[in-house]
PDB file of all heavy atoms in Angstrom:
ATOM      1  N   ALA A   1      -3.556 -10.213  12.310  1.00  0.00           N
ATOM      2  CA  ALA A   1      -2.544 -10.458  11.313  1.00  0.00           C
ATOM      3  C   ALA A   1      -3.105 -10.716   9.953  1.00  0.00           C
ATOM      4  O   ALA A   1      -2.568 -10.284   8.918  1.00  0.00           O
ATOM      5  CB  ALA A   1      -1.644 -11.603  11.779  1.00  0.00           C
ATOM      6  N   GLY A   2      -4.173 -11.510   9.901  1.00  0.00           N
ATOM      7  CA  GLY A   2      -4.779 -11.837   8.602  1.00  0.00           C
ATOM      8  C   GLY A   2      -5.285 -10.573   7.875  1.00  0.00           C
ATOM      9  O   GLY A   2      -5.048 -10.438   6.686  1.00  0.00           O
ATOM     10  N   ASP A   3      -5.887  -9.699   8.598  1.00  0.00           N
ATOM     11  CA  ASP A   3      -6.345  -8.424   7.992  1.00  0.00           C
ATOM     12  C   ASP A   3      -5.170  -7.630   7.523  1.00  0.00           C
ATOM     13  O   ASP A   3      -5.239  -7.005   6.431  1.00  0.00           O
ATOM     14  CB  ASP A   3      -7.136  -7.616   9.003  1.00  0.00           C
ATOM     15  CG  ASP A   3      -8.472  -8.273   9.326  1.00  0.00           C
ATOM     16  OD1 ASP A   3      -8.956  -9.127   8.532  1.00  0.00           O
ATOM     17  OD2 ASP A   3      -9.069  -7.943  10.366  1.00  0.00           O
ATOM     18  N   ALA A   4      -4.089  -7.605   8.262  1.00  0.00           N
ATOM     19  CA  ALA A   4      -2.917  -6.832   7.894  1.00  0.00           C
ATOM     20  C   ALA A   4      -2.317  -7.402   6.607  1.00  0.00           C
ATOM     21  O   ALA A   4      -1.892  -6.641   5.729  1.00  0.00           O
ATOM     22  CB  ALA A   4      -1.890  -6.876   9.027  1.00  0.00           C
ATOM     23  N   ALA A   5      -2.251  -8.731   6.509  1.00  0.00           N
ATOM     24  CA  ALA A   5      -1.707  -9.348   5.291  1.00  0.00           C
ATOM     25  C   ALA A   5      -2.567  -8.998   4.053  1.00  0.00           C
ATOM     26  O   ALA A   5      -2.005  -8.682   2.993  1.00  0.00           O
ATOM     27  CB  ALA A   5      -1.601 -10.856   5.486  1.00  0.00           C
ATOM     28  N   ARG A   6      -3.851  -9.002   4.202  1.00  0.00           N
ATOM     29  CA  ARG A   6      -4.715  -8.702   3.111  1.00  0.00           C
ATOM     30  C   ARG A   6      -4.535  -7.268   2.697  1.00  0.00           C
ATOM     31  O   ARG A   6      -4.471  -6.899   1.510  1.00  0.00           O
ATOM     32  CB  ARG A   6      -6.180  -8.967   3.488  1.00  0.00           C
ATOM     33  CG  ARG A   6      -7.174  -8.688   2.394  1.00  0.00           C
ATOM     34  CD  ARG A   6      -8.581  -9.026   2.806  1.00  0.00           C
ATOM     35  NE  ARG A   6      -9.041  -8.147   3.887  1.00  0.00           N
ATOM     36  CZ  ARG A   6      -9.260  -8.567   5.137  1.00  0.00           C
ATOM     37  NH1 ARG A   6      -9.065  -9.821   5.450  1.00  0.00           N
ATOM     38  NH2 ARG A   6      -9.627  -7.700   6.060  1.00  0.00           N
ATOM     39  N   ASP A   7      -4.443  -6.363   3.696  1.00  0.00           N
ATOM     40  CA  ASP A   7      -4.268  -4.940   3.404  1.00  0.00           C
ATOM     41  C   ASP A   7      -2.963  -4.703   2.703  1.00  0.00           C
ATOM     42  O   ASP A   7      -2.848  -3.862   1.789  1.00  0.00           O
ATOM     43  CB  ASP A   7      -4.293  -4.133   4.695  1.00  0.00           C
ATOM     44  CG  ASP A   7      -5.731  -4.106   5.282  1.00  0.00           C
ATOM     45  OD1 ASP A   7      -6.691  -4.484   4.568  1.00  0.00           O
ATOM     46  OD2 ASP A   7      -5.864  -3.758   6.489  1.00  0.00           O
ATOM     47  N   ALA A   8      -1.907  -5.452   3.100  1.00  0.00           N
ATOM     48  CA  ALA A   8      -0.614  -5.252   2.475  1.00  0.00           C
ATOM     49  C   ALA A   8      -0.658  -5.710   1.022  1.00  0.00           C
ATOM     50  O   ALA A   8      -0.031  -5.074   0.140  1.00  0.00           O
ATOM     51  CB  ALA A   8       0.465  -6.080   3.221  1.00  0.00           C
ATOM     52  N   ALA A   9      -1.340  -6.784   0.767  1.00  0.00           N
ATOM     53  CA  ALA A   9      -1.450  -7.268  -0.644  1.00  0.00           C
ATOM     54  C   ALA A   9      -2.186  -6.230  -1.520  1.00  0.00           C
ATOM     55  O   ALA A   9      -1.817  -6.023  -2.647  1.00  0.00           O
ATOM     56  CB  ALA A   9      -2.195  -8.601  -0.683  1.00  0.00           C
ATOM     57  N   TRP A  10      -3.246  -5.625  -0.958  1.00  0.00           N
ATOM     58  CA  TRP A  10      -3.933  -4.611  -1.691  1.00  0.00           C
ATOM     59  C   TRP A  10      -3.074  -3.392  -1.958  1.00  0.00           C
ATOM     60  O   TRP A  10      -3.050  -2.837  -3.057  1.00  0.00           O
ATOM     61  CB  TRP A  10      -5.147  -4.197  -0.888  1.00  0.00           C
ATOM     62  CG  TRP A  10      -5.929  -3.079  -1.525  1.00  0.00           C
ATOM     63  CD1 TRP A  10      -6.895  -3.177  -2.538  1.00  0.00           C
ATOM     64  CD2 TRP A  10      -5.803  -1.652  -1.298  1.00  0.00           C
ATOM     65  NE1 TRP A  10      -7.361  -1.959  -2.882  1.00  0.00           N
ATOM     66  CE2 TRP A  10      -6.705  -0.991  -2.128  1.00  0.00           C
ATOM     67  CE3 TRP A  10      -5.034  -0.907  -0.414  1.00  0.00           C
ATOM     68  CZ2 TRP A  10      -6.845   0.390  -2.126  1.00  0.00           C
ATOM     69  CZ3 TRP A  10      -5.151   0.445  -0.433  1.00  0.00           C
ATOM     70  CH2 TRP A  10      -6.065   1.104  -1.267  1.00  0.00           C
ATOM     71  N   ALA A  11      -2.284  -2.980  -0.970  1.00  0.00           N
ATOM     72  CA  ALA A  11      -1.408  -1.824  -1.096  1.00  0.00           C
ATOM     73  C   ALA A  11      -0.358  -2.093  -2.173  1.00  0.00           C
ATOM     74  O   ALA A  11      -0.013  -1.146  -2.954  1.00  0.00           O
ATOM     75  CB  ALA A  11      -0.745  -1.512   0.243  1.00  0.00           C
ATOM     76  N   ALA A  12       0.146  -3.311  -2.267  1.00  0.00           N
ATOM     77  CA  ALA A  12       1.190  -3.597  -3.270  1.00  0.00           C
ATOM     78  C   ALA A  12       0.639  -3.508  -4.696  1.00  0.00           C
ATOM     79  O   ALA A  12       1.414  -3.325  -5.639  1.00  0.00           O
ATOM     80  CB  ALA A  12       1.695  -5.023  -3.050  1.00  0.00           C
ATOM     81  N   ALA A  13      -0.651  -3.602  -4.860  1.00  0.00           N
ATOM     82  CA  ALA A  13      -1.268  -3.495  -6.169  1.00  0.00           C
ATOM     83  C   ALA A  13      -1.498  -2.113  -6.691  1.00  0.00           C
ATOM     84  O   ALA A  13      -1.901  -1.943  -7.825  1.00  0.00           O
ATOM     85  CB  ALA A  13      -2.583  -4.288  -6.212  1.00  0.00           C
ATOM     86  N   ARG A  14      -1.265  -1.102  -5.867  1.00  0.00           N
ATOM     87  CA  ARG A  14      -1.527   0.225  -6.262  1.00  0.00           C
ATOM     88  C   ARG A  14      -0.463   0.724  -7.281  1.00  0.00           C
ATOM     89  O   ARG A  14       0.647   0.159  -7.383  1.00  0.00           O
ATOM     90  CB  ARG A  14      -1.491   1.111  -5.043  1.00  0.00           C
ATOM     91  CG  ARG A  14      -2.715   0.964  -4.179  1.00  0.00           C
ATOM     92  CD  ARG A  14      -2.760   1.922  -3.043  1.00  0.00           C
ATOM     93  NE  ARG A  14      -1.634   1.724  -2.105  1.00  0.00           N
ATOM     94  CZ  ARG A  14      -1.439   2.414  -1.016  1.00  0.00           C
ATOM     95  NH1 ARG A  14      -2.251   3.394  -0.729  1.00  0.00           N
ATOM     96  NH2 ARG A  14      -0.420   2.171  -0.238  1.00  0.00           N
ATOM     97  N   ASP A  15      -0.810   1.743  -8.057  1.00  0.00           N
ATOM     98  CA  ASP A  15       0.102   2.211  -9.081  1.00  0.00           C
ATOM     99  C   ASP A  15       1.259   2.987  -8.459  1.00  0.00           C
ATOM    100  O   ASP A  15       1.246   3.368  -7.305  1.00  0.00           O
ATOM    101  CB  ASP A  15      -0.621   3.048 -10.141  1.00  0.00           C
ATOM    102  CG  ASP A  15      -1.295   4.282  -9.570  1.00  0.00           C
ATOM    103  OD1 ASP A  15      -0.653   4.948  -8.714  1.00  0.00           O
ATOM    104  OD2 ASP A  15      -2.446   4.550  -9.901  1.00  0.00           O
ATOM    105  N   ALA A  16       2.269   3.286  -9.334  1.00  0.00           N
ATOM    106  CA  ALA A  16       3.498   3.935  -8.805  1.00  0.00           C
ATOM    107  C   ALA A  16       3.206   5.321  -8.238  1.00  0.00           C
ATOM    108  O   ALA A  16       3.778   5.683  -7.252  1.00  0.00           O
ATOM    109  CB  ALA A  16       4.518   4.029  -9.957  1.00  0.00           C
ATOM    110  N   ALA A  17       2.322   6.055  -8.898  1.00  0.00           N
ATOM    111  CA  ALA A  17       2.043   7.395  -8.419  1.00  0.00           C
ATOM    112  C   ALA A  17       1.417   7.356  -7.014  1.00  0.00           C
ATOM    113  O   ALA A  17       1.751   8.163  -6.144  1.00  0.00           O
ATOM    114  CB  ALA A  17       1.064   8.111  -9.364  1.00  0.00           C
ATOM    115  N   GLY A  18       0.555   6.379  -6.821  1.00  0.00           N
ATOM    116  CA  GLY A  18      -0.025   6.209  -5.490  1.00  0.00           C
ATOM    117  C   GLY A  18       1.008   5.884  -4.478  1.00  0.00           C
ATOM    118  O   GLY A  18       0.971   6.332  -3.316  1.00  0.00           O
ATOM    119  N   ASP A  19       1.963   5.003  -4.801  1.00  0.00           N
ATOM    120  CA  ASP A  19       3.022   4.605  -3.916  1.00  0.00           C
ATOM    121  C   ASP A  19       3.879   5.826  -3.513  1.00  0.00           C
ATOM    122  O   ASP A  19       4.271   5.949  -2.375  1.00  0.00           O
ATOM    123  CB  ASP A  19       3.889   3.556  -4.531  1.00  0.00           C
ATOM    124  CG  ASP A  19       3.171   2.179  -4.646  1.00  0.00           C
ATOM    125  OD1 ASP A  19       2.165   2.030  -3.915  1.00  0.00           O
ATOM    126  OD2 ASP A  19       3.673   1.340  -5.388  1.00  0.00           O
ATOM    127  N   VAL A  20       4.171   6.644  -4.478  1.00  0.00           N
ATOM    128  CA  VAL A  20       4.997   7.853  -4.161  1.00  0.00           C
ATOM    129  C   VAL A  20       4.237   8.753  -3.195  1.00  0.00           C
ATOM    130  O   VAL A  20       4.831   9.268  -2.238  1.00  0.00           O
ATOM    131  CB  VAL A  20       5.326   8.608  -5.478  1.00  0.00           C
ATOM    132  CG1 VAL A  20       5.946   9.964  -5.150  1.00  0.00           C
ATOM    133  CG2 VAL A  20       6.252   7.797  -6.359  1.00  0.00           C
ATOM    134  N   ALA A  21       2.954   8.959  -3.431  1.00  0.00           N
ATOM    135  CA  ALA A  21       2.195   9.806  -2.507  1.00  0.00           C
ATOM    136  C   ALA A  21       2.119   9.206  -1.139  1.00  0.00           C
ATOM    137  O   ALA A  21       2.267   9.920  -0.137  1.00  0.00           O
ATOM    138  CB  ALA A  21       0.799  10.033  -3.088  1.00  0.00           C
ATOM    139  N   ARG A  22       1.956   7.885  -1.094  1.00  0.00           N
ATOM    140  CA  ARG A  22       1.861   7.206   0.182  1.00  0.00           C
ATOM    141  C   ARG A  22       3.192   7.313   0.938  1.00  0.00           C
ATOM    142  O   ARG A  22       3.244   7.614   2.119  1.00  0.00           O
ATOM    143  CB  ARG A  22       1.551   5.753  -0.014  1.00  0.00           C
ATOM    144  CG  ARG A  22       1.496   4.918   1.260  1.00  0.00           C
ATOM    145  CD  ARG A  22       1.690   3.463   0.963  1.00  0.00           C
ATOM    146  NE  ARG A  22       3.024   3.220   0.377  1.00  0.00           N
ATOM    147  CZ  ARG A  22       3.308   2.158  -0.358  1.00  0.00           C
ATOM    148  NH1 ARG A  22       2.423   1.222  -0.595  1.00  0.00           N
ATOM    149  NH2 ARG A  22       4.542   2.023  -0.839  1.00  0.00           N
ATOM    150  N   ASP A  23       4.310   7.121   0.218  1.00  0.00           N
ATOM    151  CA  ASP A  23       5.608   7.169   0.841  1.00  0.00           C
ATOM    152  C   ASP A  23       5.909   8.567   1.398  1.00  0.00           C
ATOM    153  O   ASP A  23       6.484   8.711   2.480  1.00  0.00           O
ATOM    154  CB  ASP A  23       6.718   6.780  -0.174  1.00  0.00           C
ATOM    155  CG  ASP A  23       6.629   5.302  -0.523  1.00  0.00           C
ATOM    156  OD1 ASP A  23       5.916   4.552   0.198  1.00  0.00           O
ATOM    157  OD2 ASP A  23       7.267   4.884  -1.490  1.00  0.00           O
ATOM    158  N   ALA A  24       5.473   9.595   0.660  1.00  0.00           N
ATOM    159  CA  ALA A  24       5.709  10.966   1.151  1.00  0.00           C
ATOM    160  C   ALA A  24       4.897  11.189   2.425  1.00  0.00           C
ATOM    161  O   ALA A  24       5.375  11.848   3.345  1.00  0.00           O
ATOM    162  CB  ALA A  24       5.291  11.963   0.066  1.00  0.00           C
ATOM    163  N   ALA A  25       3.657  10.704   2.411  1.00  0.00           N
ATOM    164  CA  ALA A  25       2.808  10.872   3.603  1.00  0.00           C
ATOM    165  C   ALA A  25       3.398  10.169   4.817  1.00  0.00           C
ATOM    166  O   ALA A  25       3.404  10.655   5.918  1.00  0.00           O
ATOM    167  CB  ALA A  25       1.397  10.377   3.314  1.00  0.00           C
ATOM    168  N   TRP A  26       3.891   8.913   4.570  1.00  0.00           N
ATOM    169  CA  TRP A  26       4.469   8.134   5.655  1.00  0.00           C
ATOM    170  C   TRP A  26       5.724   8.841   6.177  1.00  0.00           C
ATOM    171  O   TRP A  26       5.980   8.867   7.402  1.00  0.00           O
ATOM    172  CB  TRP A  26       4.815   6.716   5.205  1.00  0.00           C
ATOM    173  CG  TRP A  26       3.646   5.761   5.324  1.00  0.00           C
ATOM    174  CD1 TRP A  26       2.897   5.262   4.317  1.00  0.00           C
ATOM    175  CD2 TRP A  26       3.165   5.207   6.523  1.00  0.00           C
ATOM    176  NE1 TRP A  26       1.946   4.438   4.822  1.00  0.00           N
ATOM    177  CE2 TRP A  26       2.082   4.354   6.173  1.00  0.00           C
ATOM    178  CE3 TRP A  26       3.545   5.347   7.878  1.00  0.00           C
ATOM    179  CZ2 TRP A  26       1.341   3.674   7.190  1.00  0.00           C
ATOM    180  CZ3 TRP A  26       2.772   4.661   8.822  1.00  0.00           C
ATOM    181  CH2 TRP A  26       1.716   3.856   8.443  1.00  0.00           C
TER     182      TRP A  26
END
């Protein structure tokens, strides 16, 4: 769980373009 929380915090810091690409992949 601790690793997952850290990874989630890192993911939230990504730029909008990265988020769009990630969402499409998901």
